[in-house]
Amino acid sequence: MRKSIIPFMFLMLLVFSVQANKPMKLGLLKYQGGGDWYSVVDALRNLANFCNKEMGTNLDPEYDIVEAGNPNIINYPFILMTGHGNVVFSNQEAENLRNYMAGGGFLYIDDDYGMNQFIRPALKKVFPDQELVEIPFNHPLYHQQYDFPTGVPKVHEHDNHSPQTFGIFLEGKLVCLYTYESNISDGWESADVHHDPEALRTKALQMGANMVRYAFSR
């Protein structure tokens, strides 16, 4: 029953927001395990402002912190998860996240360095029968508002590896996106946080805008 109800609720949420001209909020995922889920501050705020300016979206710059086990997660079509350390999902949290993505929600995970060894088993608890697969460069994700023919940009150097993008697909639809050795969400932060070059920050925001457009257009 739940799987049939949740997509309808997402649809009604989108319709209501459009009709009421109500901005939609993005979410930042709060999780257990000791990892610093709060490692970004202005990233989602800046991404929302960029999307509103460049793509004409109606996103609320003030994002919400959403706990992994909170049933109200369905109110957020796009949720960012990031951090440097351990990630633990309880059985209830794993089920809640699974229902969220199966019902139309989009979870974007960005390894802020040190997260990779923990997020993979955590996602296996969410989707025991699914694998993270590398996303090819011809996937629509890279070719929305902006064209990224060679994949995601590399914002911060971690271990001198090329950036990679992985995903979990349900019924052919990308529902969970995971970037590794890229650290795009740090590129969304305000300029005085990491002092990244403006051109690099712009690329990161453009790729983020592609993610938002893809998530909303599925």
N, C-alpha and C. Protein backbone atom coordinates (compact mmCIF):
# COMPACT_ATOMS: atom_id res chain seq x y z
N MET A 1 0.83 -1.21 0.00
CA MET A 1 0.00 0.00 0.00
C MET A 1 0.86 1.25 0.00
N ARG A 2 1.93 1.25 0.83
CA ARG A 2 2.72 2.46 0.96
C ARG A 2 3.37 2.87 -0.36
N LYS A 3 3.83 1.89 -1.13
CA LYS A 3 4.51 2.22 -2.38
C LYS A 3 3.56 2.86 -3.38
N SER A 4 2.28 2.54 -3.31
CA SER A 4 1.33 3.12 -4.25
C SER A 4 0.88 4.50 -3.80
N ILE A 5 0.95 4.77 -2.50
CA ILE A 5 0.49 6.05 -1.97
C ILE A 5 1.55 7.13 -2.12
N ILE A 6 2.82 6.79 -1.88
CA ILE A 6 3.86 7.81 -1.84
C ILE A 6 4.02 8.56 -3.16
N PRO A 7 4.06 7.90 -4.34
CA PRO A 7 4.19 8.67 -5.57
C PRO A 7 3.04 9.66 -5.75
N PHE A 8 1.83 9.26 -5.35
CA PHE A 8 0.69 10.16 -5.45
C PHE A 8 0.89 11.38 -4.56
N MET A 9 1.45 11.16 -3.38
CA MET A 9 1.69 12.28 -2.46
C MET A 9 2.72 13.23 -3.03
N PHE A 10 3.78 12.69 -3.66
CA PHE A 10 4.76 13.55 -4.32
C PHE A 10 4.11 14.38 -5.41
N LEU A 11 3.27 13.75 -6.20
CA LEU A 11 2.59 14.45 -7.29
C LEU A 11 1.72 15.57 -6.74
N MET A 12 0.97 15.29 -5.71
CA MET A 12 0.10 16.31 -5.13
C MET A 12 0.91 17.45 -4.52
N LEU A 13 2.06 17.10 -3.93
CA LEU A 13 2.93 18.14 -3.36
C LEU A 13 3.43 19.07 -4.45
N LEU A 14 3.85 18.50 -5.59
CA LEU A 14 4.33 19.32 -6.69
C LEU A 14 3.22 20.19 -7.27
N VAL A 15 2.03 19.60 -7.45
CA VAL A 15 0.90 20.34 -7.99
C VAL A 15 0.51 21.47 -7.06
N PHE A 16 0.44 21.19 -5.77
CA PHE A 16 0.07 22.22 -4.80
C PHE A 16 1.08 23.37 -4.81
N SER A 17 2.37 23.03 -4.87
CA SER A 17 3.40 24.06 -4.85
C SER A 17 3.32 24.96 -6.07
N VAL A 18 3.05 24.35 -7.23
CA VAL A 18 2.93 25.14 -8.46
C VAL A 18 1.70 26.04 -8.39
N GLN A 19 0.56 25.47 -8.00
CA GLN A 19 -0.67 26.25 -7.96
C GLN A 19 -0.61 27.38 -6.94
N ALA A 20 0.01 27.09 -5.80
CA ALA A 20 0.08 28.10 -4.75
C ALA A 20 1.29 29.01 -4.90
N ASN A 21 2.09 28.76 -5.94
CA ASN A 21 3.33 29.51 -6.13
C ASN A 21 4.19 29.45 -4.87
N LYS A 22 4.17 28.30 -4.22
CA LYS A 22 4.90 28.11 -2.98
C LYS A 22 6.27 27.53 -3.28
N PRO A 23 7.34 28.18 -2.80
CA PRO A 23 8.68 27.64 -3.05
C PRO A 23 8.84 26.25 -2.45
N MET A 24 9.55 25.39 -3.15
CA MET A 24 9.83 24.05 -2.65
C MET A 24 11.16 24.07 -1.92
N LYS A 25 11.22 23.34 -0.84
CA LYS A 25 12.43 23.29 -0.03
C LYS A 25 13.31 22.11 -0.39
N LEU A 26 14.61 22.32 -0.34
CA LEU A 26 15.58 21.25 -0.43
C LEU A 26 15.88 20.77 0.99
N GLY A 27 16.42 19.56 1.11
CA GLY A 27 16.69 19.00 2.42
C GLY A 27 18.14 18.58 2.58
N LEU A 28 18.65 18.68 3.81
CA LEU A 28 19.98 18.17 4.18
C LEU A 28 19.77 17.01 5.13
N LEU A 29 20.29 15.84 4.78
CA LEU A 29 20.02 14.63 5.56
C LEU A 29 20.88 14.57 6.82
N LYS A 30 20.20 14.35 7.95
CA LYS A 30 20.87 14.11 9.23
C LYS A 30 20.84 12.62 9.50
N TYR A 31 22.01 12.04 9.73
CA TYR A 31 22.11 10.60 9.92
C TYR A 31 22.95 10.28 11.16
N GLN A 32 22.91 9.02 11.56
CA GLN A 32 23.64 8.56 12.73
C GLN A 32 24.98 7.94 12.32
N GLY A 33 25.81 7.68 13.33
CA GLY A 33 27.07 6.99 13.08
C GLY A 33 28.30 7.80 13.44
N GLY A 34 28.13 9.10 13.63
CA GLY A 34 29.26 9.94 13.99
C GLY A 34 29.82 10.77 12.86
N GLY A 35 29.37 10.51 11.64
CA GLY A 35 29.82 11.33 10.52
C GLY A 35 29.25 12.74 10.60
N ASP A 36 30.00 13.71 10.11
CA ASP A 36 29.58 15.11 10.24
C ASP A 36 28.63 15.48 9.09
N TRP A 37 27.38 15.09 9.25
CA TRP A 37 26.35 15.38 8.25
C TRP A 37 26.17 16.87 8.03
N TYR A 38 26.62 17.67 8.99
CA TYR A 38 26.45 19.12 8.99
C TYR A 38 27.64 19.84 8.36
N SER A 39 28.48 19.13 7.61
CA SER A 39 29.74 19.70 7.14
C SER A 39 29.57 20.81 6.11
N VAL A 40 28.39 20.96 5.54
CA VAL A 40 28.13 22.09 4.64
C VAL A 40 27.14 23.04 5.32
N VAL A 41 27.28 24.31 5.01
CA VAL A 41 26.42 25.32 5.66
C VAL A 41 25.57 26.06 4.63
N ASP A 42 26.22 26.69 3.65
CA ASP A 42 25.51 27.51 2.67
C ASP A 42 25.30 26.79 1.34
N ALA A 43 25.72 25.54 1.23
CA ALA A 43 25.71 24.85 -0.06
C ALA A 43 24.32 24.80 -0.69
N LEU A 44 23.34 24.31 0.04
CA LEU A 44 21.99 24.20 -0.52
C LEU A 44 21.35 25.57 -0.72
N ARG A 45 21.66 26.50 0.13
CA ARG A 45 21.13 27.85 -0.02
C ARG A 45 21.64 28.47 -1.33
N ASN A 46 22.94 28.32 -1.57
CA ASN A 46 23.52 28.87 -2.79
C ASN A 46 23.03 28.14 -4.03
N LEU A 47 22.85 26.83 -3.92
CA LEU A 47 22.34 26.07 -5.05
C LEU A 47 20.93 26.50 -5.41
N ALA A 48 20.08 26.67 -4.40
CA ALA A 48 18.70 27.11 -4.65
C ALA A 48 18.69 28.47 -5.33
N ASN A 49 19.50 29.41 -4.84
CA ASN A 49 19.55 30.74 -5.45
C ASN A 49 20.05 30.68 -6.89
N PHE A 50 21.03 29.82 -7.14
CA PHE A 50 21.57 29.68 -8.49
C PHE A 50 20.51 29.11 -9.43
N CYS A 51 19.80 28.08 -8.99
CA CYS A 51 18.76 27.48 -9.83
C CYS A 51 17.63 28.47 -10.11
N ASN A 52 17.26 29.24 -9.09
CA ASN A 52 16.19 30.23 -9.27
C ASN A 52 16.61 31.29 -10.29
N LYS A 53 17.84 31.71 -10.21
CA LYS A 53 18.32 32.76 -11.11
C LYS A 53 18.54 32.26 -12.52
N GLU A 54 19.15 31.09 -12.67
CA GLU A 54 19.57 30.60 -13.98
C GLU A 54 18.53 29.74 -14.68
N MET A 55 17.65 29.09 -13.91
CA MET A 55 16.68 28.18 -14.54
C MET A 55 15.24 28.57 -14.26
N GLY A 56 15.02 29.61 -13.47
CA GLY A 56 13.66 30.05 -13.20
C GLY A 56 12.88 29.14 -12.29
N THR A 57 13.58 28.35 -11.47
CA THR A 57 12.89 27.49 -10.51
C THR A 57 12.35 28.32 -9.35
N ASN A 58 11.55 27.68 -8.54
CA ASN A 58 10.97 28.35 -7.38
C ASN A 58 11.35 27.55 -6.13
N LEU A 59 12.63 27.64 -5.77
CA LEU A 59 13.15 26.93 -4.61
C LEU A 59 13.35 27.88 -3.45
N ASP A 60 12.99 27.44 -2.27
CA ASP A 60 13.20 28.21 -1.05
C ASP A 60 14.68 28.12 -0.68
N PRO A 61 15.39 29.25 -0.62
CA PRO A 61 16.81 29.20 -0.26
C PRO A 61 17.06 28.64 1.14
N GLU A 62 16.06 28.72 2.00
CA GLU A 62 16.24 28.20 3.36
C GLU A 62 15.86 26.72 3.39
N TYR A 63 16.87 25.87 3.34
CA TYR A 63 16.65 24.43 3.34
C TYR A 63 16.31 23.93 4.75
N ASP A 64 15.84 22.70 4.82
CA ASP A 64 15.52 22.06 6.09
C ASP A 64 16.48 20.91 6.37
N ILE A 65 16.75 20.69 7.64
CA ILE A 65 17.48 19.50 8.07
C ILE A 65 16.46 18.39 8.28
N VAL A 66 16.69 17.25 7.62
CA VAL A 66 15.73 16.15 7.63
C VAL A 66 16.40 14.89 8.18
N GLU A 67 15.84 14.32 9.24
CA GLU A 67 16.39 13.10 9.80
C GLU A 67 16.02 11.91 8.93
N ALA A 68 16.95 10.96 8.83
CA ALA A 68 16.77 9.82 7.93
C ALA A 68 15.50 9.02 8.23
N GLY A 69 15.07 9.00 9.47
CA GLY A 69 13.90 8.21 9.83
C GLY A 69 12.61 8.98 9.88
N ASN A 70 12.64 10.25 9.52
CA ASN A 70 11.45 11.09 9.62
C ASN A 70 10.51 10.83 8.44
N PRO A 71 9.26 10.41 8.69
CA PRO A 71 8.32 10.16 7.59
C PRO A 71 8.05 11.40 6.73
N ASN A 72 8.28 12.59 7.29
CA ASN A 72 8.05 13.82 6.53
C ASN A 72 9.10 14.05 5.44
N ILE A 73 10.01 13.11 5.29
CA ILE A 73 11.02 13.20 4.24
C ILE A 73 10.38 13.32 2.87
N ILE A 74 9.15 12.83 2.74
CA ILE A 74 8.46 12.90 1.45
C ILE A 74 8.18 14.32 1.00
N ASN A 75 8.33 15.29 1.90
CA ASN A 75 8.08 16.69 1.55
C ASN A 75 9.25 17.32 0.78
N TYR A 76 10.34 16.56 0.60
CA TYR A 76 11.55 17.12 0.00
C TYR A 76 11.94 16.31 -1.23
N PRO A 77 11.68 16.83 -2.42
CA PRO A 77 11.97 16.07 -3.65
C PRO A 77 13.47 15.86 -3.88
N PHE A 78 14.31 16.71 -3.26
CA PHE A 78 15.76 16.62 -3.45
C PHE A 78 16.43 16.76 -2.10
N ILE A 79 17.22 15.75 -1.73
CA ILE A 79 17.90 15.77 -0.43
C ILE A 79 19.39 15.52 -0.64
N LEU A 80 20.20 16.35 0.01
CA LEU A 80 21.66 16.21 -0.02
C LEU A 80 22.13 15.49 1.23
N MET A 81 23.06 14.56 1.04
CA MET A 81 23.74 13.88 2.14
C MET A 81 25.23 13.99 1.92
N THR A 82 25.96 14.42 2.94
CA THR A 82 27.40 14.54 2.79
C THR A 82 28.07 14.35 4.16
N GLY A 83 29.39 14.42 4.17
CA GLY A 83 30.13 14.24 5.41
C GLY A 83 31.48 13.58 5.14
N HIS A 84 32.22 13.37 6.23
CA HIS A 84 33.56 12.80 6.14
C HIS A 84 33.70 11.42 6.77
N GLY A 85 32.71 10.98 7.56
CA GLY A 85 32.94 9.79 8.35
C GLY A 85 31.86 8.74 8.30
N ASN A 86 31.62 8.12 9.44
CA ASN A 86 30.76 6.94 9.53
C ASN A 86 29.29 7.28 9.27
N VAL A 87 28.61 6.30 8.70
CA VAL A 87 27.18 6.40 8.41
C VAL A 87 26.50 5.13 8.91
N VAL A 88 25.43 5.30 9.71
CA VAL A 88 24.68 4.15 10.21
C VAL A 88 23.20 4.43 10.03
N PHE A 89 22.49 3.50 9.39
CA PHE A 89 21.04 3.57 9.27
C PHE A 89 20.42 2.45 10.08
N SER A 90 19.46 2.77 10.91
CA SER A 90 18.69 1.74 11.60
C SER A 90 17.78 1.05 10.58
N ASN A 91 17.16 -0.03 10.98
CA ASN A 91 16.23 -0.71 10.08
C ASN A 91 15.09 0.21 9.66
N GLN A 92 14.59 0.99 10.62
CA GLN A 92 13.50 1.91 10.32
C GLN A 92 13.95 3.02 9.38
N GLU A 93 15.14 3.54 9.60
CA GLU A 93 15.67 4.59 8.73
C GLU A 93 15.91 4.07 7.32
N ALA A 94 16.46 2.86 7.22
CA ALA A 94 16.69 2.26 5.91
C ALA A 94 15.37 2.08 5.16
N GLU A 95 14.35 1.62 5.86
CA GLU A 95 13.04 1.45 5.21
C GLU A 95 12.46 2.79 4.79
N ASN A 96 12.62 3.79 5.64
CA ASN A 96 12.10 5.11 5.32
C ASN A 96 12.78 5.70 4.09
N LEU A 97 14.09 5.56 4.00
CA LEU A 97 14.83 6.05 2.84
C LEU A 97 14.47 5.25 1.59
N ARG A 98 14.30 3.96 1.74
CA ARG A 98 13.91 3.12 0.60
C ARG A 98 12.55 3.54 0.06
N ASN A 99 11.60 3.76 0.94
CA ASN A 99 10.26 4.19 0.52
C ASN A 99 10.31 5.58 -0.10
N TYR A 100 11.17 6.44 0.43
CA TYR A 100 11.32 7.79 -0.10
C TYR A 100 11.78 7.75 -1.56
N MET A 101 12.82 6.98 -1.83
CA MET A 101 13.35 6.94 -3.19
C MET A 101 12.45 6.13 -4.13
N ALA A 102 11.88 5.05 -3.62
CA ALA A 102 10.95 4.27 -4.44
C ALA A 102 9.72 5.07 -4.80
N GLY A 103 9.38 6.05 -3.97
CA GLY A 103 8.20 6.86 -4.20
C GLY A 103 8.43 8.12 -5.00
N GLY A 104 9.66 8.35 -5.47
CA GLY A 104 9.91 9.53 -6.30
C GLY A 104 10.92 10.51 -5.76
N GLY A 105 11.39 10.30 -4.53
CA GLY A 105 12.38 11.20 -3.96
C GLY A 105 13.76 10.96 -4.55
N PHE A 106 14.62 11.97 -4.48
CA PHE A 106 15.96 11.90 -5.06
C PHE A 106 16.98 12.20 -3.96
N LEU A 107 17.87 11.25 -3.71
CA LEU A 107 18.92 11.42 -2.70
C LEU A 107 20.26 11.59 -3.41
N TYR A 108 20.90 12.73 -3.14
CA TYR A 108 22.23 12.99 -3.68
C TYR A 108 23.25 12.90 -2.55
N ILE A 109 24.22 12.01 -2.71
CA ILE A 109 25.26 11.79 -1.70
C ILE A 109 26.60 12.26 -2.27
N ASP A 110 27.27 13.13 -1.54
CA ASP A 110 28.56 13.64 -1.97
C ASP A 110 29.60 13.31 -0.91
N ASP A 111 30.57 12.49 -1.27
CA ASP A 111 31.64 12.14 -0.33
C ASP A 111 32.53 13.35 -0.12
N ASP A 112 32.51 13.85 1.12
CA ASP A 112 33.33 15.03 1.47
C ASP A 112 34.74 14.61 1.87
N TYR A 113 35.05 13.34 1.72
CA TYR A 113 36.32 12.68 1.97
C TYR A 113 36.23 11.83 3.24
N GLY A 114 36.40 10.54 3.05
CA GLY A 114 36.36 9.61 4.17
C GLY A 114 35.02 8.93 4.37
N MET A 115 34.08 9.19 3.49
CA MET A 115 32.73 8.65 3.63
C MET A 115 32.55 7.34 2.85
N ASN A 116 33.38 7.10 1.85
CA ASN A 116 33.14 6.02 0.90
C ASN A 116 33.01 4.65 1.55
N GLN A 117 33.89 4.33 2.47
CA GLN A 117 33.88 2.99 3.07
C GLN A 117 32.67 2.75 3.96
N PHE A 118 31.97 3.82 4.34
CA PHE A 118 30.81 3.69 5.21
C PHE A 118 29.48 3.77 4.45
N ILE A 119 29.44 4.62 3.43
CA ILE A 119 28.17 4.83 2.74
C ILE A 119 27.78 3.62 1.91
N ARG A 120 28.74 2.89 1.39
CA ARG A 120 28.41 1.74 0.56
C ARG A 120 27.66 0.65 1.33
N PRO A 121 28.15 0.19 2.48
CA PRO A 121 27.36 -0.78 3.25
C PRO A 121 26.05 -0.21 3.77
N ALA A 122 26.03 1.09 4.07
CA ALA A 122 24.79 1.72 4.54
C ALA A 122 23.73 1.68 3.44
N LEU A 123 24.13 1.96 2.20
CA LEU A 123 23.18 1.90 1.08
C LEU A 123 22.74 0.47 0.80
N LYS A 124 23.63 -0.49 1.07
CA LYS A 124 23.26 -1.89 0.88
C LYS A 124 22.15 -2.29 1.84
N LYS A 125 22.10 -1.64 2.99
CA LYS A 125 21.02 -1.89 3.94
C LYS A 125 19.72 -1.28 3.43
N VAL A 126 19.81 -0.17 2.74
CA VAL A 126 18.62 0.48 2.18
C VAL A 126 18.09 -0.33 0.99
N PHE A 127 19.01 -0.75 0.12
CA PHE A 127 18.62 -1.51 -1.08
C PHE A 127 19.45 -2.79 -1.15
N PRO A 128 19.05 -3.82 -0.43
CA PRO A 128 19.83 -5.07 -0.39
C PRO A 128 20.00 -5.71 -1.77
N ASP A 129 19.06 -5.50 -2.66
CA ASP A 129 19.09 -6.16 -3.97
C ASP A 129 19.61 -5.26 -5.09
N GLN A 130 20.10 -4.07 -4.73
CA GLN A 130 20.58 -3.13 -5.74
C GLN A 130 22.06 -2.85 -5.53
N GLU A 131 22.73 -2.51 -6.62
CA GLU A 131 24.15 -2.17 -6.58
C GLU A 131 24.37 -0.74 -7.07
N LEU A 132 25.37 -0.09 -6.52
CA LEU A 132 25.81 1.18 -7.08
C LEU A 132 26.50 0.89 -8.40
N VAL A 133 26.04 1.55 -9.45
CA VAL A 133 26.66 1.36 -10.78
C VAL A 133 27.18 2.70 -11.27
N GLU A 134 28.29 2.67 -11.97
CA GLU A 134 28.86 3.92 -12.49
C GLU A 134 27.97 4.45 -13.62
N ILE A 135 27.75 5.75 -13.60
CA ILE A 135 26.85 6.38 -14.56
C ILE A 135 27.63 6.81 -15.79
N PRO A 136 27.24 6.35 -16.97
CA PRO A 136 27.98 6.70 -18.20
C PRO A 136 27.82 8.17 -18.55
N PHE A 137 28.76 8.68 -19.33
CA PHE A 137 28.78 10.10 -19.66
C PHE A 137 27.61 10.51 -20.56
N ASN A 138 26.96 9.56 -21.20
CA ASN A 138 25.82 9.92 -22.05
C ASN A 138 24.50 9.95 -21.30
N HIS A 139 24.54 9.75 -20.00
CA HIS A 139 23.30 9.78 -19.22
C HIS A 139 22.73 11.21 -19.21
N PRO A 140 21.40 11.34 -19.23
CA PRO A 140 20.78 12.67 -19.26
C PRO A 140 21.18 13.58 -18.10
N LEU A 141 21.62 13.00 -17.00
CA LEU A 141 22.05 13.81 -15.85
C LEU A 141 23.10 14.85 -16.24
N TYR A 142 23.99 14.46 -17.14
CA TYR A 142 25.09 15.34 -17.54
C TYR A 142 24.71 16.32 -18.63
N HIS A 143 23.48 16.23 -19.11
CA HIS A 143 23.11 17.03 -20.30
C HIS A 143 21.73 17.66 -20.11
N GLN A 144 21.55 18.32 -18.99
CA GLN A 144 20.30 19.02 -18.71
C GLN A 144 20.44 20.47 -19.15
N GLN A 145 20.41 21.39 -18.22
CA GLN A 145 20.62 22.80 -18.54
C GLN A 145 22.05 23.05 -19.04
N TYR A 146 22.98 22.28 -18.48
CA TYR A 146 24.40 22.45 -18.81
C TYR A 146 24.98 21.12 -19.28
N ASP A 147 25.97 21.22 -20.15
CA ASP A 147 26.55 20.02 -20.75
C ASP A 147 27.88 19.68 -20.08
N PHE A 148 27.98 18.45 -19.57
CA PHE A 148 29.21 17.96 -18.96
C PHE A 148 29.58 16.65 -19.67
N PRO A 149 30.22 16.74 -20.83
CA PRO A 149 30.49 15.56 -21.66
C PRO A 149 31.45 14.56 -21.03
N THR A 150 32.24 15.00 -20.04
CA THR A 150 33.17 14.08 -19.39
C THR A 150 32.83 13.86 -17.92
N GLY A 151 31.60 14.09 -17.57
CA GLY A 151 31.16 13.81 -16.21
C GLY A 151 31.33 14.97 -15.25
N VAL A 152 31.23 14.66 -13.97
CA VAL A 152 31.22 15.69 -12.94
C VAL A 152 32.57 16.39 -12.82
N PRO A 153 32.56 17.68 -12.50
CA PRO A 153 33.84 18.38 -12.30
C PRO A 153 34.48 17.97 -10.99
N LYS A 154 35.78 18.08 -10.92
CA LYS A 154 36.52 17.80 -9.68
C LYS A 154 36.74 19.12 -8.96
N VAL A 155 36.17 19.24 -7.78
CA VAL A 155 36.27 20.49 -7.03
C VAL A 155 37.45 20.46 -6.07
N HIS A 156 37.57 19.38 -5.29
CA HIS A 156 38.67 19.26 -4.33
C HIS A 156 39.44 17.97 -4.55
N GLU A 157 40.74 18.06 -4.40
CA GLU A 157 41.61 16.89 -4.53
C GLU A 157 41.59 16.09 -3.24
N HIS A 158 41.38 14.79 -3.36
CA HIS A 158 41.40 13.91 -2.20
C HIS A 158 42.59 12.95 -2.30
N ASP A 159 42.48 11.95 -3.15
CA ASP A 159 43.55 10.95 -3.26
C ASP A 159 44.12 10.86 -4.67
N ASN A 160 44.04 11.98 -5.40
CA ASN A 160 44.62 12.04 -6.75
C ASN A 160 43.99 11.03 -7.69
N HIS A 161 42.67 10.83 -7.55
CA HIS A 161 41.92 9.96 -8.45
C HIS A 161 40.94 10.82 -9.26
N SER A 162 40.53 10.29 -10.40
CA SER A 162 39.53 10.98 -11.20
C SER A 162 38.17 10.91 -10.52
N PRO A 163 37.35 11.94 -10.68
CA PRO A 163 36.02 11.90 -10.06
C PRO A 163 35.16 10.83 -10.70
N GLN A 164 34.30 10.21 -9.89
CA GLN A 164 33.39 9.19 -10.38
C GLN A 164 31.98 9.46 -9.87
N THR A 165 31.02 9.02 -10.66
CA THR A 165 29.62 9.19 -10.29
C THR A 165 28.92 7.84 -10.38
N PHE A 166 28.26 7.47 -9.28
CA PHE A 166 27.56 6.20 -9.20
C PHE A 166 26.09 6.46 -8.91
N GLY A 167 25.27 5.45 -9.18
CA GLY A 167 23.85 5.62 -8.91
C GLY A 167 23.17 4.31 -8.62
N ILE A 168 22.00 4.42 -8.02
CA ILE A 168 21.09 3.29 -7.85
C ILE A 168 19.86 3.59 -8.69
N PHE A 169 19.46 2.62 -9.49
CA PHE A 169 18.34 2.78 -10.41
C PHE A 169 17.19 1.86 -9.97
N LEU A 170 15.99 2.41 -10.00
CA LEU A 170 14.79 1.63 -9.76
C LEU A 170 13.88 1.78 -10.98
N GLU A 171 13.55 0.67 -11.60
CA GLU A 171 12.71 0.66 -12.80
C GLU A 171 13.27 1.61 -13.85
N GLY A 172 14.59 1.62 -13.98
CA GLY A 172 15.25 2.43 -14.99
C GLY A 172 15.47 3.88 -14.62
N LYS A 173 15.00 4.29 -13.45
CA LYS A 173 15.12 5.69 -13.03
C LYS A 173 16.20 5.84 -11.96
N LEU A 174 17.03 6.83 -12.14
CA LEU A 174 18.07 7.14 -11.16
C LEU A 174 17.43 7.77 -9.93
N VAL A 175 17.54 7.11 -8.79
CA VAL A 175 16.90 7.60 -7.57
C VAL A 175 17.92 8.02 -6.51
N CYS A 176 19.14 7.50 -6.62
CA CYS A 176 20.20 7.83 -5.67
C CYS A 176 21.47 8.09 -6.45
N LEU A 177 22.04 9.25 -6.25
CA LEU A 177 23.26 9.67 -6.95
C LEU A 177 24.39 9.80 -5.93
N TYR A 178 25.56 9.24 -6.26
CA TYR A 178 26.70 9.28 -5.34
C TYR A 178 27.94 9.74 -6.10
N THR A 179 28.53 10.86 -5.68
CA THR A 179 29.75 11.35 -6.29
C THR A 179 30.94 11.11 -5.37
N TYR A 180 32.03 10.64 -5.98
CA TYR A 180 33.24 10.23 -5.26
C TYR A 180 34.45 10.89 -5.90
N GLU A 181 35.35 11.40 -5.07
CA GLU A 181 36.55 12.09 -5.55
C GLU A 181 36.21 13.34 -6.36
N SER A 182 35.13 13.98 -6.01
CA SER A 182 34.70 15.19 -6.71
C SER A 182 34.43 16.32 -5.73
N ASN A 183 33.59 16.03 -4.74
CA ASN A 183 33.26 16.98 -3.68
C ASN A 183 32.55 18.23 -4.19
N ILE A 184 31.55 17.99 -5.04
CA ILE A 184 30.82 19.10 -5.66
C ILE A 184 30.14 20.00 -4.63
N SER A 185 29.59 19.41 -3.58
CA SER A 185 28.83 20.23 -2.62
C SER A 185 29.71 21.27 -1.94
N ASP A 186 31.01 21.01 -1.80
CA ASP A 186 31.90 22.04 -1.27
C ASP A 186 32.01 23.19 -2.26
N GLY A 187 31.86 22.90 -3.54
CA GLY A 187 31.88 23.95 -4.55
C GLY A 187 30.64 24.82 -4.52
N TRP A 188 29.59 24.33 -3.87
CA TRP A 188 28.37 25.13 -3.71
C TRP A 188 28.48 26.10 -2.55
N GLU A 189 29.43 25.88 -1.67
CA GLU A 189 29.58 26.75 -0.51
C GLU A 189 29.97 28.17 -0.94
N SER A 190 29.77 29.12 -0.04
CA SER A 190 30.14 30.51 -0.32
C SER A 190 31.64 30.62 -0.58
N ALA A 191 32.02 31.62 -1.35
CA ALA A 191 33.40 31.75 -1.82
C ALA A 191 34.41 31.83 -0.69
N ASP A 192 34.03 32.41 0.44
CA ASP A 192 34.99 32.61 1.53
C ASP A 192 35.17 31.37 2.41
N VAL A 193 34.47 30.28 2.09
CA VAL A 193 34.60 29.06 2.90
C VAL A 193 35.84 28.26 2.49
N HIS A 194 35.93 27.92 1.21
CA HIS A 194 37.06 27.12 0.73
C HIS A 194 37.98 27.88 -0.21
N HIS A 195 37.58 29.10 -0.57
CA HIS A 195 38.38 29.95 -1.44
C HIS A 195 38.65 29.29 -2.80
N ASP A 196 37.65 28.57 -3.29
CA ASP A 196 37.78 27.97 -4.62
C ASP A 196 37.67 29.04 -5.70
N PRO A 197 38.33 28.84 -6.84
CA PRO A 197 38.19 29.81 -7.94
C PRO A 197 36.73 29.93 -8.36
N GLU A 198 36.35 31.12 -8.76
CA GLU A 198 34.96 31.37 -9.12
C GLU A 198 34.50 30.49 -10.28
N ALA A 199 35.39 30.27 -11.24
CA ALA A 199 35.03 29.43 -12.39
C ALA A 199 34.72 28.00 -11.95
N LEU A 200 35.45 27.51 -10.97
CA LEU A 200 35.21 26.15 -10.46
C LEU A 200 33.91 26.08 -9.67
N ARG A 201 33.64 27.10 -8.88
CA ARG A 201 32.38 27.16 -8.13
C ARG A 201 31.20 27.20 -9.10
N THR A 202 31.36 27.94 -10.19
CA THR A 202 30.28 28.02 -11.18
C THR A 202 30.02 26.66 -11.80
N LYS A 203 31.08 25.93 -12.14
CA LYS A 203 30.91 24.59 -12.70
C LYS A 203 30.18 23.68 -11.71
N ALA A 204 30.56 23.77 -10.44
CA ALA A 204 29.92 22.93 -9.42
C ALA A 204 28.44 23.27 -9.30
N LEU A 205 28.11 24.55 -9.31
CA LEU A 205 26.71 24.96 -9.23
C LEU A 205 25.93 24.54 -10.48
N GLN A 206 26.58 24.62 -11.63
CA GLN A 206 25.91 24.19 -12.87
C GLN A 206 25.60 22.69 -12.83
N MET A 207 26.55 21.90 -12.34
CA MET A 207 26.29 20.46 -12.24
C MET A 207 25.20 20.20 -11.21
N GLY A 208 25.19 20.98 -10.14
CA GLY A 208 24.12 20.87 -9.15
C GLY A 208 22.77 21.22 -9.74
N ALA A 209 22.74 22.24 -10.59
CA ALA A 209 21.49 22.62 -11.26
C ALA A 209 21.01 21.49 -12.16
N ASN A 210 21.94 20.81 -12.83
CA ASN A 210 21.56 19.65 -13.63
C ASN A 210 20.91 18.58 -12.76
N MET A 211 21.47 18.35 -11.58
CA MET A 211 20.90 17.35 -10.67
C MET A 211 19.47 17.72 -10.27
N VAL A 212 19.28 18.98 -9.93
CA VAL A 212 17.95 19.43 -9.51
C VAL A 212 16.96 19.29 -10.67
N ARG A 213 17.36 19.74 -11.85
CA ARG A 213 16.44 19.63 -13.00
C ARG A 213 16.12 18.18 -13.30
N TYR A 214 17.13 17.32 -13.25
CA TYR A 214 16.89 15.90 -13.51
C TYR A 214 15.94 15.32 -12.46
N ALA A 215 16.18 15.63 -11.20
CA ALA A 215 15.36 15.10 -10.12
C ALA A 215 13.90 15.53 -10.25
N PHE A 216 13.69 16.77 -10.68
CA PHE A 216 12.34 17.30 -10.79
C PHE A 216 11.64 16.87 -12.08
N SER A 217 12.42 16.45 -13.07
CA SER A 217 11.82 16.13 -14.37
C SER A 217 11.53 14.65 -14.55
N ARG A 218 11.97 13.81 -13.63
CA ARG A 218 11.75 12.37 -13.81
C ARG A 218 10.27 12.03 -13.71
